[in-house]
Amino acid sequence: MGTWIDFKKLREELDFERILQHYQVPIKRRGTQGVAACPLPGHPKEGKGSLSFSVSFPKRIFQCFRCGTKGNVLDFIAYMEQLEPRDPQQFRRAAVIALERFACGLAPSTPQNAATTTPAAPSTSPVHASRPRVLVNEPLDFALKNLDTRPQYLLNRGFTPETIDHFGLGYCTKGTFAGRIVIPLDDLQGRLIGYAGRLVFDEAIDEQNPKYLFPSRRQREGVTLEFAKSLFVYHGHAMSQRPLHDLVVVQGFPACWWLWQHGYRDVVALMGATCSVDQAGAILKLGSRSARIWCFTDADKAGDKCAHGLFAEVGPHRFCKWIRSRQSQPTDCSSDEIKDLLAWKIET
């Protein structure tokens, strides 16, 4: 009997970054994306520094913007093994290679009703006995140094030195976050679990250079460390030791900084347009049962989505009010406009 494969589960099991390492593809990771010179066999020769090959790690898909080849992670393995993914038999051979070499969490099976197929050629690569241990949002064992703690980009946007110091912001000139404002990410216990980076040159933002970078997967003493922003509420650590009666929830980092600077110190950010169950749980823990939640979002479709998500997860448990400004973002509001929108007493 041939090996029966659930192709959907197999694709979900595969770690694209690990597969790229196996095929010795030097990938440059940028958040959830990766870029490299195209490694596909038969690809036209590229100049030095060309990065036409792009990978989405969460979606497990790739595309070369020069030769036009694209597909999912199984298609990539097929191409690298000199197989044709559009040929059913050759694609199946690639899937068996993926199963034996990279997907140890899925054991091959041969159910009674499975059709007999031609077995794939045996793989010469060793099969890993166990998957690596993965830890999420673990504290860092290092801190970034030599940052410009008075970045002109933030000063020009109206942020004060006090605000910059409170949030630990700085401009980075080297490494992964070069050309970005570095944003420390502290969990509710006040432990540094990573850094985010905001690109200061908006004209440089594209698919390969996203506006924000978040911590990438990394290895430490044989353990894989990952960051999940869906499990994290930004700035929650600053108020986790005292009961709250009012809490403002915003989408992005700058809105959090801006409201804090204007006297609204009990403010957190979701870092996006969604509110996960875990983020809602963290918000509920920050306030008392009588706490009021003020949802101050951007005035666009993403802001609407954020508010709807927050109300769905937090609304059944707390009083929630949606603050809708005529300005496009909270950072566009003046101090008086913010005071009119948020009618409760400003902290001193």
C-alpha atoms as a PDB file:
ATOM      1  CA  MET A   1       0.000   0.000   0.000  1.00  0.00           C
ATOM      2  CA  GLY A   2       1.226   3.517  -0.723  1.00  0.00           C
ATOM      3  CA  THR A   3       1.578   6.329   1.783  1.00  0.00           C
ATOM      4  CA  TRP A   4      -1.676   8.248   2.320  1.00  0.00           C
ATOM      5  CA  ILE A   5      -1.177  11.991   2.846  1.00  0.00           C
ATOM      6  CA  ASP A   6      -3.466  14.754   4.055  1.00  0.00           C
ATOM      7  CA  PHE A   7      -1.988  17.555   1.934  1.00  0.00           C
ATOM      8  CA  LYS A   8      -3.758  20.351   3.828  1.00  0.00           C
ATOM      9  CA  LYS A   9      -2.498  19.187   7.219  1.00  0.00           C
ATOM     10  CA  LEU A  10       0.949  18.638   5.754  1.00  0.00           C
ATOM     11  CA  ARG A  11       1.153  22.240   4.503  1.00  0.00           C
ATOM     12  CA  GLU A  12       0.032  23.505   7.933  1.00  0.00           C
ATOM     13  CA  GLU A  13       2.733  21.414   9.606  1.00  0.00           C
ATOM     14  CA  LEU A  14       5.632  22.620   7.488  1.00  0.00           C
ATOM     15  CA  ASP A  15       7.978  25.324   8.758  1.00  0.00           C
ATOM     16  CA  PHE A  16       8.973  27.333   5.673  1.00  0.00           C
ATOM     17  CA  GLU A  17      11.933  28.955   7.435  1.00  0.00           C
ATOM     18  CA  ARG A  18      13.377  25.580   8.391  1.00  0.00           C
ATOM     19  CA  ILE A  19      12.907  24.333   4.824  1.00  0.00           C
ATOM     20  CA  LEU A  20      14.760  27.352   3.445  1.00  0.00           C
ATOM     21  CA  GLN A  21      17.617  26.609   5.846  1.00  0.00           C
ATOM     22  CA  HIS A  22      17.697  22.992   4.641  1.00  0.00           C
ATOM     23  CA  TYR A  23      18.096  24.134   1.036  1.00  0.00           C
ATOM     24  CA  GLN A  24      20.720  26.675   2.176  1.00  0.00           C
ATOM     25  CA  VAL A  25      18.732  29.707   1.065  1.00  0.00           C
ATOM     26  CA  PRO A  26      20.075  32.840   2.845  1.00  0.00           C
ATOM     27  CA  ILE A  27      16.788  34.526   3.694  1.00  0.00           C
ATOM     28  CA  LYS A  28      16.453  38.022   5.131  1.00  0.00           C
ATOM     29  CA  ARG A  29      13.506  38.026   7.513  1.00  0.00           C
ATOM     30  CA  ARG A  30      11.428  41.194   7.781  1.00  0.00           C
ATOM     31  CA  GLY A  31       8.623  40.597  10.235  1.00  0.00           C
ATOM     32  CA  THR A  32       6.379  37.855   8.863  1.00  0.00           C
ATOM     33  CA  GLN A  33       7.962  38.136   5.410  1.00  0.00           C
ATOM     34  CA  GLY A  34      11.300  37.000   4.031  1.00  0.00           C
ATOM     35  CA  VAL A  35      13.269  37.993   0.934  1.00  0.00           C
ATOM     36  CA  ALA A  36      16.188  36.404  -0.874  1.00  0.00           C
ATOM     37  CA  ALA A  37      17.816  35.944  -4.233  1.00  0.00           C
ATOM     38  CA  CYS A  38      15.646  33.437  -6.096  1.00  0.00           C
ATOM     39  CA  PRO A  39      16.930  29.893  -5.357  1.00  0.00           C
ATOM     40  CA  LEU A  40      14.699  28.081  -7.846  1.00  0.00           C
ATOM     41  CA  PRO A  41      16.472  25.872 -10.410  1.00  0.00           C
ATOM     42  CA  GLY A  42      16.583  27.494 -13.833  1.00  0.00           C
ATOM     43  CA  HIS A  43      15.971  30.984 -12.499  1.00  0.00           C
ATOM     44  CA  PRO A  44      17.740  33.678 -14.591  1.00  0.00           C
ATOM     45  CA  LYS A  45      21.039  34.798 -13.117  1.00  0.00           C
ATOM     46  CA  GLU A  46      20.595  37.866 -10.932  1.00  0.00           C
ATOM     47  CA  GLY A  47      22.896  40.690 -10.025  1.00  0.00           C
ATOM     48  CA  LYS A  48      24.525  40.896  -6.624  1.00  0.00           C
ATOM     49  CA  GLY A  49      22.115  42.035  -3.944  1.00  0.00           C
ATOM     50  CA  SER A  50      18.983  41.228  -5.947  1.00  0.00           C
ATOM     51  CA  LEU A  51      16.129  40.054  -3.694  1.00  0.00           C
ATOM     52  CA  SER A  52      13.349  39.053  -6.069  1.00  0.00           C
ATOM     53  CA  PHE A  53      12.187  36.029  -4.080  1.00  0.00           C
ATOM     54  CA  SER A  54       9.569  36.724  -1.374  1.00  0.00           C
ATOM     55  CA  VAL A  55       8.088  34.394   1.260  1.00  0.00           C
ATOM     56  CA  SER A  56       5.115  34.820   3.582  1.00  0.00           C
ATOM     57  CA  PHE A  57       5.893  32.623   6.596  1.00  0.00           C
ATOM     58  CA  PRO A  58       2.367  32.607   8.136  1.00  0.00           C
ATOM     59  CA  LYS A  59       0.698  31.796   4.787  1.00  0.00           C
ATOM     60  CA  ARG A  60       3.485  29.399   3.690  1.00  0.00           C
ATOM     61  CA  ILE A  61       3.558  30.801   0.170  1.00  0.00           C
ATOM     62  CA  PHE A  62       6.278  32.251  -2.063  1.00  0.00           C
ATOM     63  CA  GLN A  63       6.682  34.256  -5.237  1.00  0.00           C
ATOM     64  CA  CYS A  64       9.587  35.357  -7.394  1.00  0.00           C
ATOM     65  CA  PHE A  65       8.880  38.786  -8.840  1.00  0.00           C
ATOM     66  CA  ARG A  66      11.367  38.255 -11.638  1.00  0.00           C
ATOM     67  CA  CYS A  67      10.690  34.799 -13.073  1.00  0.00           C
ATOM     68  CA  GLY A  68       7.036  34.886 -11.940  1.00  0.00           C
ATOM     69  CA  THR A  69       7.070  31.486 -10.235  1.00  0.00           C
ATOM     70  CA  LYS A  70       4.816  31.246  -7.199  1.00  0.00           C
ATOM     71  CA  GLY A  71       3.071  28.657  -5.061  1.00  0.00           C
ATOM     72  CA  ASN A  72       2.866  27.146  -1.612  1.00  0.00           C
ATOM     73  CA  VAL A  73       5.528  25.470   0.477  1.00  0.00           C
ATOM     74  CA  LEU A  74       4.932  22.050  -1.118  1.00  0.00           C
ATOM     75  CA  ASP A  75       5.360  23.561  -4.583  1.00  0.00           C
ATOM     76  CA  PHE A  76       8.653  25.061  -3.398  1.00  0.00           C
ATOM     77  CA  ILE A  77       9.935  21.670  -2.231  1.00  0.00           C
ATOM     78  CA  ALA A  78       8.935  20.148  -5.560  1.00  0.00           C
ATOM     79  CA  TYR A  79      10.887  22.770  -7.513  1.00  0.00           C
ATOM     80  CA  MET A  80      13.954  22.364  -5.291  1.00  0.00           C
ATOM     81  CA  GLU A  81      13.831  18.592  -5.801  1.00  0.00           C
ATOM     82  CA  GLN A  82      13.695  19.050  -9.597  1.00  0.00           C
ATOM     83  CA  LEU A  83      10.062  17.889  -9.665  1.00  0.00           C
ATOM     84  CA  GLU A  84       7.076  19.391 -11.469  1.00  0.00           C
ATOM     85  CA  PRO A  85       4.333  20.361  -8.957  1.00  0.00           C
ATOM     86  CA  ARG A  86       1.657  20.396 -11.671  1.00  0.00           C
ATOM     87  CA  ASP A  87       2.295  16.715 -12.366  1.00  0.00           C
ATOM     88  CA  PRO A  88       0.243  14.690  -9.803  1.00  0.00           C
ATOM     89  CA  GLN A  89       2.776  11.884  -9.440  1.00  0.00           C
ATOM     90  CA  GLN A  90       5.762  14.218  -9.124  1.00  0.00           C
ATOM     91  CA  PHE A  91       3.897  16.473  -6.712  1.00  0.00           C
ATOM     92  CA  ARG A  92       3.103  13.420  -4.585  1.00  0.00           C
ATOM     93  CA  ARG A  93       6.775  12.519  -4.538  1.00  0.00           C
ATOM     94  CA  ALA A  94       7.550  16.019  -3.263  1.00  0.00           C
ATOM     95  CA  ALA A  95       4.884  15.643  -0.564  1.00  0.00           C
ATOM     96  CA  VAL A  96       6.371  12.357   0.631  1.00  0.00           C
ATOM     97  CA  ILE A  97       9.799  13.994   0.799  1.00  0.00           C
ATOM     98  CA  ALA A  98       8.257  16.825   2.851  1.00  0.00           C
ATOM     99  CA  LEU A  99       6.532  14.343   5.133  1.00  0.00           C
ATOM    100  CA  GLU A 100       9.672  12.310   5.813  1.00  0.00           C
ATOM    101  CA  ARG A 101      12.103  15.190   6.017  1.00  0.00           C
ATOM    102  CA  PHE A 102      10.271  18.123   7.563  1.00  0.00           C
ATOM    103  CA  ALA A 103       6.893  17.127   9.060  1.00  0.00           C
ATOM    104  CA  CYS A 104       7.671  14.829  11.932  1.00  0.00           C
ATOM    105  CA  GLY A 105       4.411  15.712  13.683  1.00  0.00           C
ATOM    106  CA  LEU A 106       2.455  13.865  10.996  1.00  0.00           C
ATOM    107  CA  ALA A 107       2.972  10.148  10.898  1.00  0.00           C
ATOM    108  CA  PRO A 108       2.439   8.498   7.503  1.00  0.00           C
ATOM    109  CA  SER A 109      -0.600   6.249   7.423  1.00  0.00           C
ATOM    110  CA  THR A 110      -1.993   3.632   5.059  1.00  0.00           C
ATOM    111  CA  PRO A 111      -5.754   3.401   5.650  1.00  0.00           C
ATOM    112  CA  GLN A 112      -7.628   0.456   4.234  1.00  0.00           C
ATOM    113  CA  ASN A 113      -9.486   2.567   1.704  1.00  0.00           C
ATOM    114  CA  ALA A 114      -6.413   4.431   0.499  1.00  0.00           C
ATOM    115  CA  ALA A 115      -5.558   4.075  -3.150  1.00  0.00           C
ATOM    116  CA  THR A 116      -2.344   2.324  -4.019  1.00  0.00           C
ATOM    117  CA  THR A 117       0.291   4.726  -5.314  1.00  0.00           C
ATOM    118  CA  THR A 118       3.811   4.468  -6.519  1.00  0.00           C
ATOM    119  CA  PRO A 119       6.164   4.926  -3.537  1.00  0.00           C
ATOM    120  CA  ALA A 120       8.480   7.899  -3.727  1.00  0.00           C
ATOM    121  CA  ALA A 121      12.206   7.525  -4.057  1.00  0.00           C
ATOM    122  CA  PRO A 122      13.769   7.117  -0.608  1.00  0.00           C
ATOM    123  CA  SER A 123      15.061  10.284   1.003  1.00  0.00           C
ATOM    124  CA  THR A 124      18.725  10.485   1.885  1.00  0.00           C
ATOM    125  CA  SER A 125      18.136  13.127   4.573  1.00  0.00           C
ATOM    126  CA  PRO A 126      17.725  11.992   8.185  1.00  0.00           C
ATOM    127  CA  VAL A 127      14.268  12.089   9.732  1.00  0.00           C
ATOM    128  CA  HIS A 128      14.203  14.248  12.875  1.00  0.00           C
ATOM    129  CA  ALA A 129      13.006  12.300  15.886  1.00  0.00           C
ATOM    130  CA  SER A 130      11.252  15.205  17.581  1.00  0.00           C
ATOM    131  CA  ARG A 131      10.134  18.757  16.909  1.00  0.00           C
ATOM    132  CA  PRO A 132      12.026  21.603  18.603  1.00  0.00           C
ATOM    133  CA  ARG A 133      10.637  23.140  21.770  1.00  0.00           C
ATOM    134  CA  VAL A 134       8.886  26.451  21.136  1.00  0.00           C
ATOM    135  CA  LEU A 135       8.362  29.207  23.733  1.00  0.00           C
ATOM    136  CA  VAL A 136       6.198  32.260  23.058  1.00  0.00           C
ATOM    137  CA  ASN A 137       6.784  35.794  24.413  1.00  0.00           C
ATOM    138  CA  GLU A 138       9.688  34.758  26.603  1.00  0.00           C
ATOM    139  CA  PRO A 139      11.811  37.496  28.271  1.00  0.00           C
ATOM    140  CA  LEU A 140      14.881  38.586  26.318  1.00  0.00           C
ATOM    141  CA  ASP A 141      18.386  37.928  27.579  1.00  0.00           C
ATOM    142  CA  PHE A 142      19.710  41.134  26.003  1.00  0.00           C
ATOM    143  CA  ALA A 143      18.825  44.800  25.509  1.00  0.00           C
ATOM    144  CA  LEU A 144      19.555  47.041  22.538  1.00  0.00           C
ATOM    145  CA  LYS A 145      22.200  49.678  23.170  1.00  0.00           C
ATOM    146  CA  ASN A 146      23.604  52.806  21.526  1.00  0.00           C
ATOM    147  CA  LEU A 147      20.194  54.111  20.463  1.00  0.00           C
ATOM    148  CA  ASP A 148      19.535  57.779  19.729  1.00  0.00           C
ATOM    149  CA  THR A 149      17.139  58.599  22.571  1.00  0.00           C
ATOM    150  CA  ARG A 150      16.194  61.974  21.092  1.00  0.00           C
ATOM    151  CA  PRO A 151      15.165  60.915  17.586  1.00  0.00           C
ATOM    152  CA  GLN A 152      14.326  63.870  15.418  1.00  0.00           C
ATOM    153  CA  TYR A 153      11.522  61.894  13.767  1.00  0.00           C
ATOM    154  CA  LEU A 154       9.555  61.747  17.031  1.00  0.00           C
ATOM    155  CA  LEU A 155      10.414  65.299  18.089  1.00  0.00           C
ATOM    156  CA  ASN A 156       9.184  66.580  14.723  1.00  0.00           C
ATOM    157  CA  ARG A 157       5.895  64.740  15.264  1.00  0.00           C
ATOM    158  CA  GLY A 158       5.380  66.586  18.531  1.00  0.00           C
ATOM    159  CA  PHE A 159       6.432  63.963  21.045  1.00  0.00           C
ATOM    160  CA  THR A 160       8.240  65.309  24.074  1.00  0.00           C
ATOM    161  CA  PRO A 161      11.456  63.979  25.652  1.00  0.00           C
ATOM    162  CA  GLU A 162       9.364  62.914  28.673  1.00  0.00           C
ATOM    163  CA  THR A 163       7.158  60.743  26.470  1.00  0.00           C
ATOM    164  CA  ILE A 164      10.143  59.292  24.608  1.00  0.00           C
ATOM    165  CA  ASP A 165      11.834  58.413  27.897  1.00  0.00           C
ATOM    166  CA  HIS A 166       8.707  56.892  29.444  1.00  0.00           C
ATOM    167  CA  PHE A 167       8.228  54.486  26.548  1.00  0.00           C
ATOM    168  CA  GLY A 168      11.974  53.846  26.124  1.00  0.00           C
ATOM    169  CA  LEU A 169      11.985  54.857  22.467  1.00  0.00           C
ATOM    170  CA  GLY A 170      15.114  55.339  20.389  1.00  0.00           C
ATOM    171  CA  TYR A 171      16.407  55.464  16.840  1.00  0.00           C
ATOM    172  CA  CYS A 172      18.488  52.508  15.672  1.00  0.00           C
ATOM    173  CA  THR A 173      21.255  52.758  13.056  1.00  0.00           C
ATOM    174  CA  LYS A 174      22.511  49.158  12.919  1.00  0.00           C
ATOM    175  CA  GLY A 175      21.202  45.627  12.602  1.00  0.00           C
ATOM    176  CA  THR A 176      17.678  44.421  11.958  1.00  0.00           C
ATOM    177  CA  PHE A 177      16.060  47.682  13.116  1.00  0.00           C
ATOM    178  CA  ALA A 178      18.394  50.056  11.256  1.00  0.00           C
ATOM    179  CA  GLY A 179      16.467  53.136  10.105  1.00  0.00           C
ATOM    180  CA  ARG A 180      13.645  52.485  12.564  1.00  0.00           C
ATOM    181  CA  ILE A 181      12.320  53.794  15.862  1.00  0.00           C
ATOM    182  CA  VAL A 182      12.849  50.977  18.349  1.00  0.00           C
ATOM    183  CA  ILE A 183       9.896  50.248  20.654  1.00  0.00           C
ATOM    184  CA  PRO A 184      10.467  48.059  23.752  1.00  0.00           C
ATOM    185  CA  LEU A 185       7.723  45.512  24.381  1.00  0.00           C
ATOM    186  CA  ASP A 186       7.188  44.736  28.082  1.00  0.00           C
ATOM    187  CA  ASP A 187       4.719  42.111  29.283  1.00  0.00           C
ATOM    188  CA  LEU A 188       2.294  42.631  32.168  1.00  0.00           C
ATOM    189  CA  GLN A 189       5.040  41.646  34.614  1.00  0.00           C
ATOM    190  CA  GLY A 190       7.281  44.385  33.219  1.00  0.00           C
ATOM    191  CA  ARG A 191       9.673  41.938  31.518  1.00  0.00           C
ATOM    192  CA  LEU A 192      11.174  42.899  28.166  1.00  0.00           C
ATOM    193  CA  ILE A 193       9.990  40.272  25.672  1.00  0.00           C
ATOM    194  CA  GLY A 194      11.032  41.935  22.416  1.00  0.00           C
ATOM    195  CA  TYR A 195      11.268  45.056  20.311  1.00  0.00           C
ATOM    196  CA  ALA A 196       9.167  46.477  17.512  1.00  0.00           C
ATOM    197  CA  GLY A 197      10.563  48.885  14.931  1.00  0.00           C
ATOM    198  CA  ARG A 198       8.807  51.720  13.077  1.00  0.00           C
ATOM    199  CA  LEU A 199      10.327  52.749   9.733  1.00  0.00           C
ATOM    200  CA  VAL A 200      10.972  56.505   9.767  1.00  0.00           C
ATOM    201  CA  PHE A 201      10.959  57.005   5.990  1.00  0.00           C
ATOM    202  CA  ASP A 202       7.386  56.453   4.815  1.00  0.00           C
ATOM    203  CA  GLU A 203       8.463  56.541   1.174  1.00  0.00           C
ATOM    204  CA  ALA A 204      10.545  53.405   1.803  1.00  0.00           C
ATOM    205  CA  ILE A 205       7.539  51.370   3.014  1.00  0.00           C
ATOM    206  CA  ASP A 206       6.685  48.471   0.710  1.00  0.00           C
ATOM    207  CA  GLU A 207       6.083  44.722   0.843  1.00  0.00           C
ATOM    208  CA  GLN A 208       9.719  44.048   1.646  1.00  0.00           C
ATOM    209  CA  ASN A 209       9.976  46.949   4.111  1.00  0.00           C
ATOM    210  CA  PRO A 210       6.805  47.041   6.224  1.00  0.00           C
ATOM    211  CA  LYS A 211       6.006  50.060   8.365  1.00  0.00           C
ATOM    212  CA  TYR A 212       6.424  47.964  11.520  1.00  0.00           C
ATOM    213  CA  LEU A 213       8.731  45.080  12.273  1.00  0.00           C
ATOM    214  CA  PHE A 214       8.024  42.711  15.129  1.00  0.00           C
ATOM    215  CA  PRO A 215      10.360  40.164  16.728  1.00  0.00           C
ATOM    216  CA  SER A 216      11.217  37.281  14.428  1.00  0.00           C
ATOM    217  CA  ARG A 217      11.632  33.662  15.380  1.00  0.00           C
ATOM    218  CA  ARG A 218      15.026  32.927  16.908  1.00  0.00           C
ATOM    219  CA  GLN A 219      16.980  30.139  18.586  1.00  0.00           C
ATOM    220  CA  ARG A 220      18.414  30.151  22.120  1.00  0.00           C
ATOM    221  CA  GLU A 221      20.103  27.128  23.663  1.00  0.00           C
ATOM    222  CA  GLY A 222      18.218  24.717  21.417  1.00  0.00           C
ATOM    223  CA  VAL A 223      14.832  26.342  22.067  1.00  0.00           C
ATOM    224  CA  THR A 224      12.796  28.207  19.443  1.00  0.00           C
ATOM    225  CA  LEU A 225      11.536  31.579  20.685  1.00  0.00           C
ATOM    226  CA  GLU A 226       8.582  33.297  19.045  1.00  0.00           C
ATOM    227  CA  PHE A 227       6.656  36.536  19.571  1.00  0.00           C
ATOM    228  CA  ALA A 228       2.857  36.621  19.272  1.00  0.00           C
ATOM    229  CA  LYS A 229       1.308  40.069  19.461  1.00  0.00           C
ATOM    230  CA  SER A 230      -2.153  38.490  19.764  1.00  0.00           C
ATOM    231  CA  LEU A 231      -1.109  37.434  23.291  1.00  0.00           C
ATOM    232  CA  PHE A 232       0.171  40.873  24.261  1.00  0.00           C
ATOM    233  CA  VAL A 233      -1.236  44.323  25.123  1.00  0.00           C
ATOM    234  CA  TYR A 234       1.199  47.199  24.680  1.00  0.00           C
ATOM    235  CA  HIS A 235       1.793  49.436  27.743  1.00  0.00           C
ATOM    236  CA  GLY A 236      -0.278  47.194  30.013  1.00  0.00           C
ATOM    237  CA  HIS A 237       2.690  46.741  32.351  1.00  0.00           C
ATOM    238  CA  ALA A 238       2.574  50.447  33.322  1.00  0.00           C
ATOM    239  CA  MET A 239      -0.758  50.013  35.109  1.00  0.00           C
ATOM    240  CA  SER A 240      -0.836  46.345  36.061  1.00  0.00           C
ATOM    241  CA  GLN A 241      -0.102  47.019  39.751  1.00  0.00           C
ATOM    242  CA  ARG A 242      -3.039  49.315  40.505  1.00  0.00           C
ATOM    243  CA  PRO A 243      -6.810  49.126  39.971  1.00  0.00           C
ATOM    244  CA  LEU A 244      -8.173  51.023  37.001  1.00  0.00           C
ATOM    245  CA  HIS A 245     -11.517  52.750  36.673  1.00  0.00           C
ATOM    246  CA  ASP A 246     -11.057  53.988  33.107  1.00  0.00           C
ATOM    247  CA  LEU A 247      -8.902  52.480  30.362  1.00  0.00           C
ATOM    248  CA  VAL A 248      -8.408  53.801  26.842  1.00  0.00           C
ATOM    249  CA  VAL A 249      -7.698  51.217  24.134  1.00  0.00           C
ATOM    250  CA  VAL A 250      -6.128  52.379  20.852  1.00  0.00           C
ATOM    251  CA  GLN A 251      -4.858  50.595  17.773  1.00  0.00           C
ATOM    252  CA  GLY A 252      -1.264  51.691  17.314  1.00  0.00           C
ATOM    253  CA  PHE A 253       1.857  52.736  19.184  1.00  0.00           C
ATOM    254  CA  PRO A 254       1.806  56.483  18.311  1.00  0.00           C
ATOM    255  CA  ALA A 255      -1.790  56.875  19.522  1.00  0.00           C
ATOM    256  CA  CYS A 256      -0.768  55.321  22.830  1.00  0.00           C
ATOM    257  CA  TRP A 257       2.167  57.733  23.161  1.00  0.00           C
ATOM    258  CA  TRP A 258       0.048  60.721  22.151  1.00  0.00           C
ATOM    259  CA  LEU A 259      -2.747  60.119  24.668  1.00  0.00           C
ATOM    260  CA  TRP A 260      -0.259  59.419  27.463  1.00  0.00           C
ATOM    261  CA  GLN A 261       1.486  62.703  26.641  1.00  0.00           C
ATOM    262  CA  HIS A 262      -1.834  64.565  26.904  1.00  0.00           C
ATOM    263  CA  GLY A 263      -2.559  63.273  30.383  1.00  0.00           C
ATOM    264  CA  TYR A 264      -4.424  60.028  29.695  1.00  0.00           C
ATOM    265  CA  ARG A 265      -1.924  57.703  31.344  1.00  0.00           C
ATOM    266  CA  ASP A 266      -4.148  54.616  31.473  1.00  0.00           C
ATOM    267  CA  VAL A 267      -3.912  53.719  27.794  1.00  0.00           C
ATOM    268  CA  VAL A 268      -2.974  50.522  25.975  1.00  0.00           C
ATOM    269  CA  ALA A 269      -2.575  49.565  22.311  1.00  0.00           C
ATOM    270  CA  LEU A 270      -3.618  46.415  20.454  1.00  0.00           C
ATOM    271  CA  MET A 271      -0.946  46.953  17.765  1.00  0.00           C
ATOM    272  CA  GLY A 272      -3.417  46.314  14.997  1.00  0.00           C
ATOM    273  CA  ALA A 273      -7.058  46.294  13.939  1.00  0.00           C
ATOM    274  CA  THR A 274      -8.081  43.132  15.810  1.00  0.00           C
ATOM    275  CA  CYS A 275      -8.655  42.231  19.436  1.00  0.00           C
ATOM    276  CA  SER A 276      -7.874  38.609  20.245  1.00  0.00           C
ATOM    277  CA  VAL A 277      -9.414  36.628  23.090  1.00  0.00           C
ATOM    278  CA  ASP A 278      -6.098  36.788  24.957  1.00  0.00           C
ATOM    279  CA  GLN A 279      -5.805  40.547  24.523  1.00  0.00           C
ATOM    280  CA  ALA A 280      -9.352  40.967  25.785  1.00  0.00           C
ATOM    281  CA  GLY A 281      -8.454  38.847  28.802  1.00  0.00           C
ATOM    282  CA  ALA A 282      -5.461  41.068  29.549  1.00  0.00           C
ATOM    283  CA  ILE A 283      -7.636  44.193  29.278  1.00  0.00           C
ATOM    284  CA  LEU A 284     -10.175  42.733  31.685  1.00  0.00           C
ATOM    285  CA  LYS A 285      -7.441  41.911  34.192  1.00  0.00           C
ATOM    286  CA  LEU A 286      -6.194  45.507  34.178  1.00  0.00           C
ATOM    287  CA  GLY A 287      -9.461  47.012  35.355  1.00  0.00           C
ATOM    288  CA  SER A 288     -11.945  46.408  38.132  1.00  0.00           C
ATOM    289  CA  ARG A 289     -15.362  44.965  37.380  1.00  0.00           C
ATOM    290  CA  SER A 290     -16.746  48.498  37.299  1.00  0.00           C
ATOM    291  CA  ALA A 291     -14.008  49.796  34.978  1.00  0.00           C
ATOM    292  CA  ARG A 292     -15.000  51.627  31.815  1.00  0.00           C
ATOM    293  CA  ILE A 293     -13.296  50.827  28.511  1.00  0.00           C
ATOM    294  CA  TRP A 294     -12.917  53.660  25.997  1.00  0.00           C
ATOM    295  CA  CYS A 295     -12.217  52.459  22.473  1.00  0.00           C
ATOM    296  CA  PHE A 296     -10.451  55.295  20.622  1.00  0.00           C
ATOM    297  CA  THR A 297      -9.756  54.028  17.098  1.00  0.00           C
ATOM    298  CA  ASP A 298      -8.695  55.482  13.781  1.00  0.00           C
ATOM    299  CA  ALA A 299     -11.499  56.917  11.651  1.00  0.00           C
ATOM    300  CA  ASP A 300     -11.343  54.310   8.884  1.00  0.00           C
ATOM    301  CA  LYS A 301     -12.417  50.748   8.102  1.00  0.00           C
ATOM    302  CA  ALA A 302      -9.563  49.334  10.157  1.00  0.00           C
ATOM    303  CA  GLY A 303     -10.739  51.419  13.112  1.00  0.00           C
ATOM    304  CA  ASP A 304     -14.278  50.119  12.687  1.00  0.00           C
ATOM    305  CA  LYS A 305     -12.977  46.552  12.629  1.00  0.00           C
ATOM    306  CA  CYS A 306     -10.931  47.166  15.763  1.00  0.00           C
ATOM    307  CA  ALA A 307     -13.903  48.599  17.655  1.00  0.00           C
ATOM    308  CA  HIS A 308     -16.199  45.762  16.610  1.00  0.00           C
ATOM    309  CA  GLY A 309     -13.635  43.199  17.738  1.00  0.00           C
ATOM    310  CA  LEU A 310     -13.111  44.902  21.104  1.00  0.00           C
ATOM    311  CA  PHE A 311     -16.844  45.191  21.735  1.00  0.00           C
ATOM    312  CA  ALA A 312     -17.355  41.522  20.834  1.00  0.00           C
ATOM    313  CA  GLU A 313     -14.686  40.309  23.273  1.00  0.00           C
ATOM    314  CA  VAL A 314     -14.832  42.899  26.085  1.00  0.00           C
ATOM    315  CA  GLY A 315     -18.335  44.351  25.752  1.00  0.00           C
ATOM    316  CA  PRO A 316     -20.133  41.421  27.427  1.00  0.00           C
ATOM    317  CA  HIS A 317     -18.007  41.928  30.558  1.00  0.00           C
ATOM    318  CA  ARG A 318     -17.411  45.696  30.883  1.00  0.00           C
ATOM    319  CA  PHE A 319     -18.943  49.041  30.018  1.00  0.00           C
ATOM    320  CA  CYS A 320     -17.479  50.061  26.627  1.00  0.00           C
ATOM    321  CA  LYS A 321     -17.767  53.295  24.691  1.00  0.00           C
ATOM    322  CA  TRP A 322     -16.550  53.882  21.161  1.00  0.00           C
ATOM    323  CA  ILE A 323     -14.824  57.231  20.676  1.00  0.00           C
ATOM    324  CA  ARG A 324     -15.213  58.373  17.078  1.00  0.00           C
ATOM    325  CA  SER A 325     -13.179  61.430  16.109  1.00  0.00           C
ATOM    326  CA  ARG A 326     -13.553  63.581  13.040  1.00  0.00           C
ATOM    327  CA  GLN A 327      -9.787  63.405  12.714  1.00  0.00           C
ATOM    328  CA  SER A 328      -8.248  60.473  10.882  1.00  0.00           C
ATOM    329  CA  GLN A 329      -6.222  59.283  13.896  1.00  0.00           C
ATOM    330  CA  PRO A 330      -5.924  60.108  17.603  1.00  0.00           C
ATOM    331  CA  THR A 331      -2.510  61.670  16.903  1.00  0.00           C
ATOM    332  CA  ASP A 332      -4.249  64.265  14.721  1.00  0.00           C
ATOM    333  CA  CYS A 333      -6.307  65.496  17.678  1.00  0.00           C
ATOM    334  CA  SER A 334      -5.320  68.510  19.713  1.00  0.00           C
ATOM    335  CA  SER A 335      -5.360  68.494  23.498  1.00  0.00           C
ATOM    336  CA  ASP A 336      -8.745  70.256  23.565  1.00  0.00           C
ATOM    337  CA  GLU A 337     -10.223  67.828  21.034  1.00  0.00           C
ATOM    338  CA  ILE A 338      -9.061  64.860  23.099  1.00  0.00           C
ATOM    339  CA  LYS A 339     -10.543  66.427  26.243  1.00  0.00           C
ATOM    340  CA  ASP A 340     -13.901  66.826  24.505  1.00  0.00           C
ATOM    341  CA  LEU A 341     -13.861  63.245  23.266  1.00  0.00           C
ATOM    342  CA  LEU A 342     -12.756  61.703  26.554  1.00  0.00           C
ATOM    343  CA  ALA A 343     -15.010  63.333  29.096  1.00  0.00           C
ATOM    344  CA  TRP A 344     -13.636  61.725  32.247  1.00  0.00           C
ATOM    345  CA  LYS A 345     -11.136  63.355  34.574  1.00  0.00           C
ATOM    346  CA  ILE A 346      -7.540  63.609  33.349  1.00  0.00           C
ATOM    347  CA  GLU A 347      -4.987  61.989  35.638  1.00  0.00           C
ATOM    348  CA  THR A 348      -2.346  64.208  37.154  1.00  0.00           C
END
